N, C-alpha and C. Protein backbone atom coordinates (compact mmCIF):
# COMPACT_ATOMS: atom_id res chain seq x y z
N UNK A 1 141.39 97.98 67.24
CA UNK A 1 139.92 98.03 67.24
C UNK A 1 139.45 99.09 66.25
N UNK A 2 138.42 98.76 65.49
CA UNK A 2 137.87 99.70 64.52
C UNK A 2 137.05 100.77 65.23
N UNK A 3 137.30 102.05 64.95
CA UNK A 3 136.51 103.12 65.58
C UNK A 3 135.05 103.06 65.16
N UNK A 4 134.19 103.51 66.05
CA UNK A 4 132.78 103.64 65.70
C UNK A 4 132.58 104.92 64.89
N UNK A 5 131.76 104.83 63.85
CA UNK A 5 131.49 105.95 62.95
C UNK A 5 129.99 106.12 62.85
N UNK A 6 129.54 107.33 62.61
CA UNK A 6 128.11 107.59 62.56
C UNK A 6 127.39 106.68 61.58
N UNK A 7 126.18 106.27 61.97
CA UNK A 7 125.34 105.41 61.14
C UNK A 7 124.95 106.08 59.83
N UNK A 8 124.70 107.37 59.88
CA UNK A 8 124.28 108.10 58.69
C UNK A 8 122.79 108.00 58.45
N UNK A 9 122.27 108.78 57.50
CA UNK A 9 120.82 108.88 57.31
C UNK A 9 120.21 107.82 56.40
N UNK A 10 121.04 106.91 55.82
CA UNK A 10 120.51 106.04 54.77
C UNK A 10 120.45 104.56 55.16
N UNK A 11 120.44 104.27 56.44
CA UNK A 11 120.27 102.87 56.87
C UNK A 11 118.80 102.46 56.77
N UNK A 12 118.57 101.18 56.47
CA UNK A 12 117.22 100.60 56.50
C UNK A 12 117.29 99.29 57.26
N UNK A 13 116.41 99.12 58.24
CA UNK A 13 116.36 97.91 59.05
C UNK A 13 115.83 96.72 58.24
N UNK A 14 116.22 95.53 58.69
CA UNK A 14 115.62 94.27 58.25
C UNK A 14 115.86 93.97 56.77
N UNK A 15 117.10 94.18 56.31
CA UNK A 15 117.44 93.86 54.92
C UNK A 15 117.74 92.37 54.77
N UNK A 16 117.95 91.95 53.51
CA UNK A 16 118.07 90.53 53.20
C UNK A 16 119.39 89.92 53.67
N UNK A 17 119.29 88.66 54.13
CA UNK A 17 120.46 87.86 54.45
C UNK A 17 120.92 87.22 53.14
N UNK A 18 122.02 87.70 52.58
CA UNK A 18 122.48 87.24 51.26
C UNK A 18 123.94 87.64 51.06
N UNK A 19 124.60 86.96 50.15
CA UNK A 19 126.01 87.25 49.88
C UNK A 19 126.21 88.09 48.64
N UNK A 20 125.20 88.26 47.81
CA UNK A 20 125.30 89.09 46.60
C UNK A 20 124.29 90.22 46.71
N UNK A 21 124.78 91.44 46.75
CA UNK A 21 123.93 92.61 46.97
C UNK A 21 123.65 93.39 45.69
N UNK A 22 124.18 92.93 44.56
CA UNK A 22 124.20 93.78 43.37
C UNK A 22 122.85 93.97 42.70
N UNK A 23 122.01 92.92 42.70
CA UNK A 23 120.73 92.95 41.98
C UNK A 23 120.98 93.35 40.52
N UNK A 24 120.26 94.33 39.99
CA UNK A 24 120.42 94.70 38.57
C UNK A 24 121.30 95.93 38.38
N UNK A 25 121.97 96.36 39.42
CA UNK A 25 122.79 97.57 39.33
C UNK A 25 124.03 97.35 38.46
N UNK A 26 124.41 98.40 37.74
CA UNK A 26 125.61 98.36 36.92
C UNK A 26 126.76 99.02 37.66
N UNK A 27 127.97 98.53 37.38
CA UNK A 27 129.15 99.09 38.02
C UNK A 27 130.25 98.06 38.09
N UNK A 28 131.34 98.42 38.72
CA UNK A 28 132.48 97.52 38.86
C UNK A 28 132.24 96.58 40.04
N UNK A 29 132.28 95.28 39.74
CA UNK A 29 132.04 94.29 40.79
C UNK A 29 133.12 94.38 41.87
N UNK A 30 132.68 94.31 43.11
CA UNK A 30 133.58 94.30 44.26
C UNK A 30 133.28 93.07 45.10
N UNK A 31 134.21 92.13 45.12
CA UNK A 31 134.12 90.96 46.00
C UNK A 31 134.91 91.30 47.25
N UNK A 32 134.20 91.37 48.36
CA UNK A 32 134.80 91.89 49.59
C UNK A 32 134.91 90.79 50.65
N UNK A 33 136.13 90.48 51.03
CA UNK A 33 136.39 89.53 52.11
C UNK A 33 136.64 90.30 53.41
N UNK A 34 135.77 90.08 54.38
CA UNK A 34 135.82 90.82 55.64
C UNK A 34 136.11 89.85 56.78
N UNK A 35 137.15 90.13 57.53
CA UNK A 35 137.46 89.35 58.72
C UNK A 35 137.04 90.11 59.96
N UNK A 36 136.41 89.41 60.89
CA UNK A 36 135.96 90.03 62.14
C UNK A 36 136.69 89.38 63.31
N UNK A 37 137.31 90.22 64.14
CA UNK A 37 138.08 89.74 65.28
C UNK A 37 137.49 90.30 66.56
N UNK A 38 137.31 89.43 67.54
CA UNK A 38 136.84 89.84 68.87
C UNK A 38 138.04 90.35 69.65
N UNK A 39 138.08 91.65 69.98
CA UNK A 39 139.25 92.19 70.67
C UNK A 39 139.30 91.77 72.14
N UNK A 40 138.19 91.25 72.65
CA UNK A 40 138.17 90.79 74.05
C UNK A 40 138.97 89.50 74.19
N UNK A 41 138.80 88.60 73.22
CA UNK A 41 139.48 87.30 73.26
C UNK A 41 140.65 87.22 72.29
N UNK A 42 140.76 88.23 71.41
CA UNK A 42 141.79 88.25 70.36
C UNK A 42 141.70 87.03 69.45
N UNK A 43 140.46 86.63 69.17
CA UNK A 43 140.21 85.49 68.29
C UNK A 43 139.18 85.88 67.23
N UNK A 44 139.16 85.15 66.10
CA UNK A 44 138.13 85.40 65.09
C UNK A 44 136.74 85.22 65.67
N UNK A 45 135.79 86.01 65.16
CA UNK A 45 134.42 85.98 65.68
C UNK A 45 133.52 85.27 64.67
N UNK A 46 133.12 84.02 64.94
CA UNK A 46 132.23 83.31 64.02
C UNK A 46 130.77 83.75 64.18
N UNK A 47 129.99 83.53 63.14
CA UNK A 47 128.55 83.81 63.15
C UNK A 47 128.22 85.26 63.50
N UNK A 48 129.11 86.17 63.15
CA UNK A 48 128.81 87.60 63.27
C UNK A 48 128.18 88.05 61.96
N UNK A 49 127.06 88.73 62.04
CA UNK A 49 126.39 89.19 60.82
C UNK A 49 127.00 90.52 60.39
N UNK A 50 127.58 90.50 59.20
CA UNK A 50 128.22 91.70 58.65
C UNK A 50 127.27 92.31 57.62
N UNK A 51 126.75 93.46 57.95
CA UNK A 51 125.78 94.14 57.11
C UNK A 51 126.45 95.31 56.39
N UNK A 52 126.14 95.45 55.09
CA UNK A 52 126.72 96.52 54.28
C UNK A 52 125.62 97.31 53.59
N UNK A 53 125.87 98.59 53.36
CA UNK A 53 125.03 99.38 52.47
C UNK A 53 125.87 100.50 51.88
N UNK A 54 125.60 100.83 50.61
CA UNK A 54 126.42 101.82 49.92
C UNK A 54 125.63 102.44 48.78
N UNK A 55 126.14 103.57 48.29
CA UNK A 55 125.54 104.24 47.13
C UNK A 55 125.94 103.53 45.85
N UNK A 56 125.08 103.64 44.83
CA UNK A 56 125.39 103.03 43.54
C UNK A 56 126.32 103.93 42.73
N UNK A 57 126.53 103.58 41.46
CA UNK A 57 127.52 104.28 40.64
C UNK A 57 127.22 105.76 40.46
N UNK A 58 125.95 106.12 40.55
CA UNK A 58 125.58 107.53 40.38
C UNK A 58 125.30 108.22 41.72
N UNK A 59 125.68 107.56 42.81
CA UNK A 59 125.62 108.21 44.12
C UNK A 59 124.28 108.15 44.82
N UNK A 60 123.43 107.18 44.44
CA UNK A 60 122.12 107.06 45.09
C UNK A 60 122.04 105.75 45.87
N UNK A 61 121.31 105.79 46.99
CA UNK A 61 121.11 104.62 47.84
C UNK A 61 119.80 103.93 47.50
N UNK A 62 119.82 102.60 47.45
CA UNK A 62 118.59 101.85 47.33
C UNK A 62 117.68 102.15 48.50
N UNK A 63 116.41 102.41 48.21
CA UNK A 63 115.45 102.72 49.26
C UNK A 63 115.26 104.20 49.50
N UNK A 64 116.16 105.02 48.95
CA UNK A 64 116.08 106.47 49.15
C UNK A 64 116.15 107.19 47.81
N UNK A 65 115.01 107.45 47.17
CA UNK A 65 115.03 108.08 45.85
C UNK A 65 115.64 109.47 45.90
N UNK A 66 116.54 109.71 44.94
CA UNK A 66 117.16 111.03 44.79
C UNK A 66 117.85 111.50 46.06
N UNK A 67 118.31 110.55 46.89
CA UNK A 67 119.05 110.93 48.08
C UNK A 67 118.24 111.58 49.17
N UNK A 68 116.92 111.37 49.15
CA UNK A 68 116.06 112.00 50.15
C UNK A 68 115.93 111.09 51.36
N UNK A 69 116.54 111.44 52.50
CA UNK A 69 116.52 110.55 53.66
C UNK A 69 115.19 110.51 54.41
N UNK A 70 114.20 111.25 53.94
CA UNK A 70 112.89 111.24 54.60
C UNK A 70 111.85 110.48 53.79
N UNK A 71 112.25 109.90 52.67
CA UNK A 71 111.31 109.20 51.81
C UNK A 71 111.90 107.83 51.47
N UNK A 72 111.25 106.78 51.90
CA UNK A 72 111.78 105.43 51.72
C UNK A 72 110.86 104.63 50.81
N UNK A 73 111.45 103.85 49.89
CA UNK A 73 110.66 102.91 49.11
C UNK A 73 111.32 101.54 49.16
N UNK A 74 110.90 100.62 48.32
CA UNK A 74 111.23 99.21 48.53
C UNK A 74 112.47 98.73 47.79
N UNK A 75 113.22 99.59 47.12
CA UNK A 75 114.44 99.13 46.47
C UNK A 75 115.45 98.65 47.51
N UNK A 76 116.14 97.57 47.18
CA UNK A 76 117.05 96.95 48.16
C UNK A 76 118.47 96.79 47.62
N UNK A 77 118.78 97.40 46.48
CA UNK A 77 120.10 97.18 45.89
C UNK A 77 121.23 97.70 46.79
N UNK A 78 122.32 96.94 46.74
CA UNK A 78 123.55 97.26 47.49
C UNK A 78 123.30 97.35 48.99
N UNK A 79 122.38 96.51 49.47
CA UNK A 79 122.07 96.41 50.90
C UNK A 79 121.96 94.94 51.30
N UNK A 80 122.32 94.66 52.54
CA UNK A 80 122.18 93.31 53.07
C UNK A 80 123.50 92.83 53.65
N UNK A 81 123.58 91.53 53.89
CA UNK A 81 124.81 91.00 54.45
C UNK A 81 124.71 89.52 54.74
N UNK A 82 125.75 89.01 55.38
CA UNK A 82 125.82 87.58 55.67
C UNK A 82 126.70 87.39 56.91
N UNK A 83 126.77 86.15 57.38
CA UNK A 83 127.47 85.89 58.63
C UNK A 83 128.85 85.26 58.40
N UNK A 84 129.73 85.51 59.34
CA UNK A 84 131.09 85.00 59.24
C UNK A 84 131.14 83.49 59.48
N UNK A 85 132.15 82.86 58.88
CA UNK A 85 132.34 81.42 59.06
C UNK A 85 133.11 81.15 60.36
N UNK A 86 133.54 79.91 60.53
CA UNK A 86 134.24 79.52 61.76
C UNK A 86 135.55 80.28 61.95
N UNK A 87 136.10 80.80 60.84
CA UNK A 87 137.34 81.56 60.89
C UNK A 87 137.11 83.07 60.99
N UNK A 88 135.84 83.46 61.20
CA UNK A 88 135.53 84.87 61.34
C UNK A 88 135.56 85.65 60.05
N UNK A 89 135.39 84.97 58.91
CA UNK A 89 135.48 85.62 57.61
C UNK A 89 134.17 85.47 56.85
N UNK A 90 133.77 86.51 56.15
CA UNK A 90 132.61 86.46 55.27
C UNK A 90 133.00 87.10 53.94
N UNK A 91 132.47 86.55 52.85
CA UNK A 91 132.70 87.12 51.52
C UNK A 91 131.38 87.60 50.95
N UNK A 92 131.33 88.88 50.60
CA UNK A 92 130.12 89.51 50.09
C UNK A 92 130.43 90.18 48.77
N UNK A 93 129.56 89.98 47.79
CA UNK A 93 129.72 90.61 46.48
C UNK A 93 128.81 91.83 46.40
N UNK A 94 129.39 92.96 46.08
CA UNK A 94 128.65 94.19 45.92
C UNK A 94 129.24 94.93 44.72
N UNK A 95 129.07 96.23 44.64
CA UNK A 95 129.67 97.05 43.59
C UNK A 95 130.52 98.14 44.22
N UNK A 96 131.53 98.55 43.49
CA UNK A 96 132.33 99.69 43.94
C UNK A 96 131.41 100.89 44.06
N UNK A 97 131.39 101.55 45.20
CA UNK A 97 130.39 102.60 45.43
C UNK A 97 130.71 103.89 44.68
N UNK A 98 129.66 104.62 44.34
CA UNK A 98 129.83 105.94 43.77
C UNK A 98 129.95 107.00 44.85
N UNK A 99 130.32 108.19 44.43
CA UNK A 99 130.43 109.32 45.35
C UNK A 99 129.16 110.17 45.28
N UNK A 100 129.01 111.03 46.25
CA UNK A 100 127.95 112.05 46.19
C UNK A 100 128.42 113.27 46.96
N UNK A 101 127.70 114.34 46.86
CA UNK A 101 128.14 115.61 47.43
C UNK A 101 128.42 115.48 48.92
N UNK A 102 129.59 115.87 49.33
CA UNK A 102 130.10 115.89 50.70
C UNK A 102 130.68 114.56 51.17
N UNK A 103 130.56 113.49 50.35
CA UNK A 103 131.09 112.18 50.76
C UNK A 103 131.92 111.55 49.66
N UNK A 104 133.09 111.06 50.04
CA UNK A 104 133.92 110.29 49.13
C UNK A 104 133.38 108.87 49.03
N UNK A 105 134.00 108.04 48.21
CA UNK A 105 133.58 106.64 48.08
C UNK A 105 133.70 105.94 49.43
N UNK A 106 132.63 105.28 49.86
CA UNK A 106 132.67 104.58 51.14
C UNK A 106 131.57 103.52 51.18
N UNK A 107 131.73 102.57 52.07
CA UNK A 107 130.72 101.54 52.33
C UNK A 107 130.43 101.55 53.83
N UNK A 108 129.16 101.61 54.17
CA UNK A 108 128.74 101.53 55.57
C UNK A 108 128.71 100.06 56.02
N UNK A 109 128.97 99.84 57.28
CA UNK A 109 128.86 98.50 57.82
C UNK A 109 128.31 98.52 59.25
N UNK A 110 127.55 97.50 59.57
CA UNK A 110 127.18 97.17 60.95
C UNK A 110 127.54 95.71 61.17
N UNK A 111 127.98 95.40 62.38
CA UNK A 111 128.29 94.01 62.72
C UNK A 111 127.46 93.62 63.94
N UNK A 112 126.66 92.56 63.76
CA UNK A 112 125.71 92.13 64.78
C UNK A 112 126.16 90.79 65.38
N UNK A 113 125.98 90.65 66.68
CA UNK A 113 126.23 89.40 67.39
C UNK A 113 124.91 88.86 67.92
N UNK A 114 124.77 87.52 67.95
CA UNK A 114 123.56 86.86 68.46
C UNK A 114 122.31 87.34 67.72
N UNK A 115 122.45 87.51 66.43
CA UNK A 115 121.37 88.02 65.58
C UNK A 115 120.38 86.92 65.23
N UNK A 116 119.22 87.33 64.76
CA UNK A 116 118.19 86.41 64.28
C UNK A 116 117.64 86.91 62.95
N UNK A 117 116.92 86.03 62.24
CA UNK A 117 116.32 86.45 60.99
C UNK A 117 114.86 86.06 60.91
N UNK A 118 114.11 86.83 60.11
CA UNK A 118 112.71 86.53 59.87
C UNK A 118 112.58 85.31 58.97
N UNK A 119 111.38 84.73 58.95
CA UNK A 119 111.12 83.57 58.11
C UNK A 119 111.25 83.90 56.62
N UNK A 120 111.11 85.17 56.26
CA UNK A 120 111.21 85.56 54.84
C UNK A 120 112.64 85.81 54.39
N UNK A 121 113.62 85.51 55.23
CA UNK A 121 115.01 85.64 54.84
C UNK A 121 115.62 87.00 55.06
N UNK A 122 115.01 87.81 55.89
CA UNK A 122 115.57 89.12 56.21
C UNK A 122 116.10 89.14 57.64
N UNK A 123 117.08 89.98 57.86
CA UNK A 123 117.66 90.16 59.19
C UNK A 123 116.66 90.83 60.12
N UNK A 124 116.62 90.41 61.36
CA UNK A 124 115.92 91.17 62.40
C UNK A 124 116.96 92.11 63.00
N UNK A 125 116.98 93.33 62.50
CA UNK A 125 118.07 94.25 62.84
C UNK A 125 118.16 94.53 64.33
N UNK A 126 117.03 94.55 65.01
CA UNK A 126 117.02 94.89 66.43
C UNK A 126 117.27 93.68 67.33
N UNK A 127 117.54 92.51 66.74
CA UNK A 127 117.85 91.33 67.55
C UNK A 127 119.33 91.33 67.92
N UNK A 128 119.67 90.59 68.96
CA UNK A 128 121.06 90.46 69.35
C UNK A 128 121.69 91.76 69.78
N UNK A 129 123.00 91.87 69.55
CA UNK A 129 123.76 93.06 69.95
C UNK A 129 124.49 93.64 68.74
N UNK A 130 124.34 94.93 68.55
CA UNK A 130 125.09 95.62 67.51
C UNK A 130 126.44 96.02 68.09
N UNK A 131 127.50 95.32 67.67
CA UNK A 131 128.81 95.52 68.30
C UNK A 131 129.71 96.49 67.53
N UNK A 132 129.28 96.89 66.33
CA UNK A 132 130.11 97.84 65.57
C UNK A 132 129.29 98.56 64.52
N UNK A 133 129.54 99.86 64.39
CA UNK A 133 129.00 100.69 63.31
C UNK A 133 130.19 101.40 62.69
N UNK A 134 130.44 101.16 61.42
CA UNK A 134 131.64 101.73 60.81
C UNK A 134 131.49 102.05 59.34
N UNK A 135 132.58 102.48 58.74
CA UNK A 135 132.62 102.78 57.32
C UNK A 135 133.97 102.36 56.76
N UNK A 136 133.95 101.83 55.52
CA UNK A 136 135.16 101.45 54.80
C UNK A 136 135.42 102.45 53.68
N UNK A 137 136.71 102.63 53.35
CA UNK A 137 137.10 103.61 52.33
C UNK A 137 138.05 102.99 51.32
N UNK A 138 138.38 103.78 50.29
CA UNK A 138 139.21 103.31 49.18
C UNK A 138 140.30 104.34 48.88
N UNK A 139 141.47 103.86 48.50
CA UNK A 139 142.55 104.77 48.13
C UNK A 139 142.14 105.57 46.88
N UNK A 140 142.57 106.80 46.82
CA UNK A 140 142.16 107.69 45.73
C UNK A 140 142.63 107.20 44.37
N UNK A 141 143.74 106.47 44.32
CA UNK A 141 144.21 105.95 43.04
C UNK A 141 143.19 104.98 42.43
N UNK A 142 142.54 104.18 43.27
CA UNK A 142 141.49 103.28 42.79
C UNK A 142 140.24 104.06 42.42
N UNK A 143 139.89 105.04 43.22
CA UNK A 143 138.73 105.88 42.87
C UNK A 143 138.92 106.51 41.50
N UNK A 144 140.11 107.05 41.25
CA UNK A 144 140.37 107.71 39.97
C UNK A 144 140.18 106.75 38.80
N UNK A 145 140.71 105.55 38.92
CA UNK A 145 140.61 104.58 37.83
C UNK A 145 139.16 104.18 37.56
N UNK A 146 138.45 103.88 38.62
CA UNK A 146 137.09 103.36 38.46
C UNK A 146 136.12 104.45 38.02
N UNK A 147 136.32 105.65 38.49
CA UNK A 147 135.40 106.73 38.13
C UNK A 147 135.60 107.24 36.71
N UNK A 148 136.59 106.68 36.00
CA UNK A 148 136.76 106.97 34.57
C UNK A 148 135.96 106.00 33.70
N UNK A 149 135.27 105.04 34.32
CA UNK A 149 134.52 104.03 33.57
C UNK A 149 133.02 104.26 33.71
N UNK A 150 132.28 103.71 32.73
CA UNK A 150 130.82 103.71 32.84
C UNK A 150 130.37 102.71 33.88
N UNK A 151 129.26 102.96 34.58
CA UNK A 151 128.38 104.12 34.53
C UNK A 151 128.78 105.26 35.47
N UNK A 152 129.96 105.14 36.09
CA UNK A 152 130.38 106.17 37.05
C UNK A 152 130.54 107.54 36.39
N UNK A 153 130.90 107.54 35.10
CA UNK A 153 131.07 108.81 34.40
C UNK A 153 129.76 109.56 34.21
N UNK A 154 128.64 108.89 34.44
CA UNK A 154 127.33 109.56 34.32
C UNK A 154 126.89 110.21 35.62
N UNK A 155 127.69 110.06 36.67
CA UNK A 155 127.36 110.67 37.96
C UNK A 155 127.52 112.19 37.86
N UNK A 156 126.44 112.91 38.02
CA UNK A 156 126.46 114.37 37.87
C UNK A 156 126.70 115.11 39.19
N UNK A 157 126.84 114.38 40.27
CA UNK A 157 127.05 115.03 41.56
C UNK A 157 128.51 115.49 41.69
N UNK A 158 128.75 116.56 42.42
CA UNK A 158 130.14 117.01 42.61
C UNK A 158 130.94 115.98 43.40
N UNK A 159 132.13 115.67 42.91
CA UNK A 159 132.94 114.65 43.57
C UNK A 159 133.62 115.22 44.81
N UNK A 160 133.59 114.43 45.86
CA UNK A 160 134.29 114.74 47.10
C UNK A 160 135.49 113.82 47.22
N UNK A 161 136.66 114.37 47.43
CA UNK A 161 137.87 113.58 47.56
C UNK A 161 138.06 113.10 49.00
N UNK A 162 138.95 112.11 49.16
CA UNK A 162 139.23 111.62 50.51
C UNK A 162 139.68 112.73 51.45
N UNK A 163 140.47 113.65 50.93
CA UNK A 163 140.98 114.74 51.76
C UNK A 163 139.90 115.72 52.18
N UNK A 164 138.74 115.65 51.53
CA UNK A 164 137.65 116.57 51.82
C UNK A 164 136.54 115.93 52.66
N UNK A 165 136.61 114.62 52.86
CA UNK A 165 135.56 113.91 53.58
C UNK A 165 135.73 114.13 55.09
N UNK A 166 134.65 114.51 55.76
CA UNK A 166 134.74 114.87 57.17
C UNK A 166 134.79 113.66 58.11
N UNK A 167 134.46 112.47 57.62
CA UNK A 167 134.39 111.30 58.50
C UNK A 167 135.58 110.37 58.36
N UNK A 168 136.36 110.55 57.32
CA UNK A 168 137.41 109.58 57.02
C UNK A 168 138.50 109.56 58.09
N UNK A 169 138.80 110.70 58.67
CA UNK A 169 139.84 110.76 59.70
C UNK A 169 139.42 109.99 60.95
N UNK A 170 138.18 110.18 61.39
CA UNK A 170 137.70 109.46 62.55
C UNK A 170 137.63 107.97 62.35
N UNK A 171 137.28 107.55 61.13
CA UNK A 171 137.18 106.12 60.83
C UNK A 171 138.55 105.45 60.84
N UNK A 172 139.60 106.24 60.68
CA UNK A 172 140.97 105.72 60.68
C UNK A 172 141.71 106.04 61.98
N UNK A 173 140.98 106.33 63.04
CA UNK A 173 141.59 106.70 64.30
C UNK A 173 142.15 105.52 65.09
N UNK A 174 142.98 105.83 66.06
CA UNK A 174 143.50 104.81 66.97
C UNK A 174 144.39 103.77 66.33
N UNK A 175 145.00 104.13 65.20
CA UNK A 175 145.87 103.19 64.51
C UNK A 175 145.17 102.23 63.58
N UNK A 176 143.84 102.32 63.47
CA UNK A 176 143.09 101.43 62.58
C UNK A 176 143.15 101.94 61.15
N UNK A 177 143.20 101.01 60.21
CA UNK A 177 143.20 101.35 58.79
C UNK A 177 141.85 100.96 58.19
N UNK A 178 141.02 101.96 57.88
CA UNK A 178 139.69 101.70 57.33
C UNK A 178 139.67 101.63 55.82
N UNK A 179 140.85 101.61 55.19
CA UNK A 179 140.93 101.50 53.74
C UNK A 179 140.97 100.03 53.32
N UNK A 180 140.14 99.68 52.36
CA UNK A 180 140.09 98.32 51.84
C UNK A 180 141.29 98.07 50.94
N UNK A 181 142.01 96.98 51.16
CA UNK A 181 143.09 96.56 50.26
C UNK A 181 142.47 95.93 49.02
N UNK A 182 142.87 96.40 47.85
CA UNK A 182 142.25 95.96 46.60
C UNK A 182 143.26 95.34 45.65
N UNK A 183 142.76 94.43 44.82
CA UNK A 183 143.51 93.91 43.68
C UNK A 183 142.52 93.55 42.58
N UNK A 184 142.99 93.50 41.35
CA UNK A 184 142.11 93.17 40.24
C UNK A 184 141.69 91.70 40.31
N UNK A 185 140.45 91.44 39.93
CA UNK A 185 139.97 90.06 39.83
C UNK A 185 140.46 89.39 38.55
N UNK A 186 140.74 90.19 37.53
CA UNK A 186 141.19 89.67 36.24
C UNK A 186 142.27 90.54 35.65
N UNK A 187 142.20 90.72 34.33
CA UNK A 187 143.23 91.50 33.64
C UNK A 187 143.02 93.00 33.74
N UNK A 188 141.78 93.42 33.93
CA UNK A 188 141.52 94.85 34.03
C UNK A 188 140.30 95.11 34.91
N UNK A 189 139.99 96.38 35.10
CA UNK A 189 138.93 96.78 36.03
C UNK A 189 137.56 96.26 35.61
N UNK A 190 137.36 96.06 34.32
CA UNK A 190 136.05 95.60 33.85
C UNK A 190 135.66 94.25 34.43
N UNK A 191 136.64 93.47 34.89
CA UNK A 191 136.37 92.16 35.48
C UNK A 191 136.13 92.24 36.98
N UNK A 192 136.29 93.43 37.54
CA UNK A 192 136.01 93.61 38.95
C UNK A 192 137.26 93.65 39.81
N UNK A 193 137.05 93.90 41.10
CA UNK A 193 138.15 93.97 42.06
C UNK A 193 137.83 93.12 43.29
N UNK A 194 138.89 92.65 43.93
CA UNK A 194 138.79 91.86 45.16
C UNK A 194 139.33 92.70 46.30
N UNK A 195 138.56 92.80 47.38
CA UNK A 195 138.96 93.62 48.51
C UNK A 195 139.08 92.83 49.80
N UNK A 196 139.99 93.28 50.66
CA UNK A 196 140.20 92.65 51.96
C UNK A 196 140.20 93.71 53.05
N UNK A 197 139.57 93.41 54.16
CA UNK A 197 139.67 94.28 55.33
C UNK A 197 139.35 93.47 56.59
N UNK A 198 139.98 93.82 57.69
CA UNK A 198 139.72 93.17 58.98
C UNK A 198 139.16 94.21 59.95
N UNK A 199 138.18 93.80 60.72
CA UNK A 199 137.52 94.69 61.67
C UNK A 199 137.62 94.10 63.07
N UNK A 200 138.21 94.85 63.98
CA UNK A 200 138.24 94.43 65.37
C UNK A 200 137.07 95.04 66.13
N UNK A 201 136.30 94.20 66.83
CA UNK A 201 135.11 94.68 67.52
C UNK A 201 135.15 94.28 68.99
N UNK A 202 134.52 95.10 69.81
CA UNK A 202 134.39 94.82 71.24
C UNK A 202 133.04 94.15 71.46
N UNK A 203 133.04 92.85 71.69
CA UNK A 203 131.79 92.10 71.81
C UNK A 203 131.04 92.38 73.10
N UNK A 204 131.60 93.18 73.98
CA UNK A 204 130.88 93.59 75.19
C UNK A 204 129.95 94.76 74.92
N UNK A 205 130.11 95.41 73.78
CA UNK A 205 129.32 96.59 73.44
C UNK A 205 127.98 96.21 72.82
N UNK A 206 127.04 97.13 72.90
CA UNK A 206 125.75 96.99 72.22
C UNK A 206 125.24 98.39 71.90
N UNK A 207 125.36 98.77 70.63
CA UNK A 207 125.01 100.12 70.21
C UNK A 207 123.57 100.18 69.70
N UNK A 208 122.91 101.31 69.83
CA UNK A 208 121.54 101.44 69.29
C UNK A 208 121.57 101.70 67.79
N UNK A 209 120.52 101.27 67.11
CA UNK A 209 120.30 101.64 65.71
C UNK A 209 119.39 102.86 65.71
N UNK A 210 119.87 103.93 65.11
CA UNK A 210 119.13 105.19 65.16
C UNK A 210 117.97 105.25 64.17
N UNK A 211 118.19 104.75 62.97
CA UNK A 211 117.18 104.86 61.92
C UNK A 211 116.06 103.85 62.16
N UNK A 212 114.82 104.27 62.03
CA UNK A 212 113.67 103.41 62.30
C UNK A 212 113.01 102.86 61.04
N UNK A 213 113.45 103.30 59.85
CA UNK A 213 112.87 102.77 58.62
C UNK A 213 113.21 101.30 58.48
N UNK A 214 112.30 100.52 57.88
CA UNK A 214 112.56 99.09 57.69
C UNK A 214 112.02 98.63 56.35
N UNK A 215 112.59 97.52 55.87
CA UNK A 215 112.17 96.94 54.60
C UNK A 215 110.74 96.41 54.71
């Protein structure tokens, strides 16, 4: 089972239901295949909404200018998600996340059961049951390679390594591996990377969403 990890200050409710989160952002493409397993039945969980949000190449979150968690605007890059298929798998295209002060490269995730969406194509975040709040991480060898490329080299924030991140140990607790398995999509990093990770969730749970900001 994947451990629960803090939601963090940069969540925004009611983001778009979509499989491509990149918008006009520059960076290394990350095609992420996520499998969701119900630990109660030990079977894949279909129609689970897998929501992601992450910082861009220079360490900023869409919706939060200059990393200010008290000021929200309408940017939606690198936010949103989609639902798992009959085999409990969803594929979402995003970008390899940048680092920022006190945090190594990571992607936030929430997994919703019995979710609903608005007529405008956005998730109703408070619908259904939130069965998991977590974070995904990357091996430092991949971080090193990608952070040598543009636009990551323009990130002026101090880099935090995996060994310095305060949340990475908890996210990998109980025998769970919160590191995404990666491989190149083509001949080199410029063509992007493909990632795989499986998340075990307890479908009997229902966690609150702390952040009240919404799209």
